[in-house]
């Protein structure tokens, strides 16, 4: 058995996410997370992204009417049959947004 190296709880509840690859804030159609934690998330999308690419995410939680906007770095890209599994790490997140994310994730855990 391999040792688990994660220090944050990974939630498998679905959170709606849109992402933008440009500074013009043109966000993609929404997708749902495969999993999410306080440090990152995984999504499945049709477009290939490049490792270390930075994009802006908009996270929409049911418990908060204002989306959380966060920059993320692509940690890995796993090609699958007709889509890509993308691992993202939050970067440059200020303390206020990090606390909002933590609170929203706690709400998700309580409601499941």
Protein backbone atom coordinates (compact mmCIF):
# COMPACT_ATOMS: atom_id res chain seq x y z
CA UNK A 1 0.00 0.00 0.00
CA UNK A 2 1.35 3.46 -0.88
CA UNK A 3 1.59 6.23 1.67
CA UNK A 4 -0.88 9.08 1.22
CA UNK A 5 1.05 12.37 0.98
CA UNK A 6 -1.87 14.78 0.94
CA UNK A 7 -2.34 17.06 3.93
CA UNK A 8 -5.78 18.37 2.96
CA UNK A 9 -9.09 16.55 2.71
CA UNK A 10 -10.11 15.87 -0.88
CA UNK A 11 -13.83 16.29 -1.53
CA UNK A 12 -15.51 14.33 -4.31
CA UNK A 13 -18.66 16.47 -4.30
CA UNK A 14 -19.20 18.35 -7.53
CA UNK A 15 -18.47 22.09 -7.59
CA UNK A 16 -19.27 24.06 -10.75
CA UNK A 17 -16.17 25.61 -12.32
CA UNK A 18 -15.55 27.83 -15.33
CA UNK A 19 -12.06 28.80 -16.45
CA UNK A 20 -10.42 31.49 -18.51
CA UNK A 21 -7.19 31.18 -20.47
CA UNK A 22 -6.93 34.89 -21.28
CA UNK A 23 -6.69 38.19 -19.48
CA UNK A 24 -10.03 39.20 -21.04
CA UNK A 25 -11.96 36.99 -18.59
CA UNK A 26 -13.80 35.06 -21.29
CA UNK A 27 -14.83 32.05 -19.23
CA UNK A 28 -15.45 28.58 -20.65
CA UNK A 29 -18.67 26.67 -20.34
CA UNK A 30 -19.09 25.24 -16.87
CA UNK A 31 -17.70 21.87 -15.81
CA UNK A 32 -17.83 20.15 -12.45
CA UNK A 33 -14.87 19.20 -10.29
CA UNK A 34 -13.90 15.55 -10.00
CA UNK A 35 -12.39 16.40 -6.63
CA UNK A 36 -11.35 19.53 -4.77
CA UNK A 37 -9.33 20.51 -1.69
CA UNK A 38 -7.98 23.69 -0.15
CA UNK A 39 -4.87 23.49 -2.35
CA UNK A 40 -6.23 22.35 -5.71
CA UNK A 41 -8.73 20.43 -7.78
CA UNK A 42 -9.19 18.06 -10.68
CA UNK A 43 -11.45 18.63 -13.69
CA UNK A 44 -12.17 16.73 -16.90
CA UNK A 45 -12.36 18.87 -20.05
CA UNK A 46 -12.27 18.48 -23.83
CA UNK A 47 -9.38 20.92 -24.37
CA UNK A 48 -5.76 20.06 -23.79
CA UNK A 49 -3.92 22.43 -21.46
CA UNK A 50 -0.16 22.65 -20.98
CA UNK A 51 1.62 21.74 -17.76
CA UNK A 52 2.50 24.88 -15.73
CA UNK A 53 -0.03 26.94 -17.70
CA UNK A 54 -1.84 29.42 -15.44
CA UNK A 55 -5.54 30.02 -15.80
CA UNK A 56 -8.23 31.81 -13.86
CA UNK A 57 -11.06 29.80 -12.31
CA UNK A 58 -14.47 30.81 -11.12
CA UNK A 59 -15.76 28.37 -8.44
CA UNK A 60 -19.49 28.38 -7.75
CA UNK A 61 -20.55 26.91 -4.41
CA UNK A 62 -24.21 26.46 -3.47
CA UNK A 63 -23.49 27.92 0.00
CA UNK A 64 -22.10 31.22 -1.34
CA UNK A 65 -23.82 33.47 -3.86
CA UNK A 66 -20.54 35.13 -4.91
CA UNK A 67 -18.16 32.92 -6.94
CA UNK A 68 -14.59 32.46 -5.76
CA UNK A 69 -12.13 33.68 -8.40
CA UNK A 70 -8.72 32.01 -8.22
CA UNK A 71 -5.61 31.58 -10.32
CA UNK A 72 -4.50 27.99 -10.84
CA UNK A 73 -1.43 26.32 -12.29
CA UNK A 74 -1.78 23.14 -14.34
CA UNK A 75 0.07 20.43 -12.41
CA UNK A 76 -0.71 17.51 -14.71
CA UNK A 77 -2.57 16.64 -17.90
CA UNK A 78 -3.72 13.05 -18.39
CA UNK A 79 -5.12 12.31 -21.85
CA UNK A 80 -8.07 9.92 -21.87
CA UNK A 81 -10.18 8.58 -24.72
CA UNK A 82 -12.00 11.79 -25.70
CA UNK A 83 -11.02 14.29 -22.99
CA UNK A 84 -8.26 15.35 -20.58
CA UNK A 85 -8.04 14.92 -16.83
CA UNK A 86 -6.44 18.13 -15.50
CA UNK A 87 -4.89 18.61 -12.06
CA UNK A 88 -4.79 22.22 -10.90
CA UNK A 89 -3.07 23.90 -7.96
CA UNK A 90 -4.28 27.22 -6.53
CA UNK A 91 -1.62 29.95 -6.81
CA UNK A 92 -1.47 33.54 -5.59
CA UNK A 93 -4.67 33.14 -3.57
CA UNK A 94 -5.04 35.86 -0.97
CA UNK A 95 -5.99 34.99 2.59
CA UNK A 96 -9.57 36.25 2.23
CA UNK A 97 -10.28 34.00 -0.78
CA UNK A 98 -8.50 31.06 0.89
CA UNK A 99 -10.71 31.43 3.98
CA UNK A 100 -13.82 31.64 1.77
CA UNK A 101 -12.74 28.46 -0.02
CA UNK A 102 -12.12 26.68 3.27
CA UNK A 103 -15.54 27.74 4.59
CA UNK A 104 -17.31 26.64 1.40
CA UNK A 105 -15.57 23.24 1.47
CA UNK A 106 -16.60 22.76 5.10
CA UNK A 107 -20.21 23.51 4.09
CA UNK A 108 -19.98 20.94 1.30
CA UNK A 109 -18.70 18.31 3.76
CA UNK A 110 -21.49 19.05 6.26
CA UNK A 111 -24.21 18.84 3.64
CA UNK A 112 -23.10 15.49 2.16
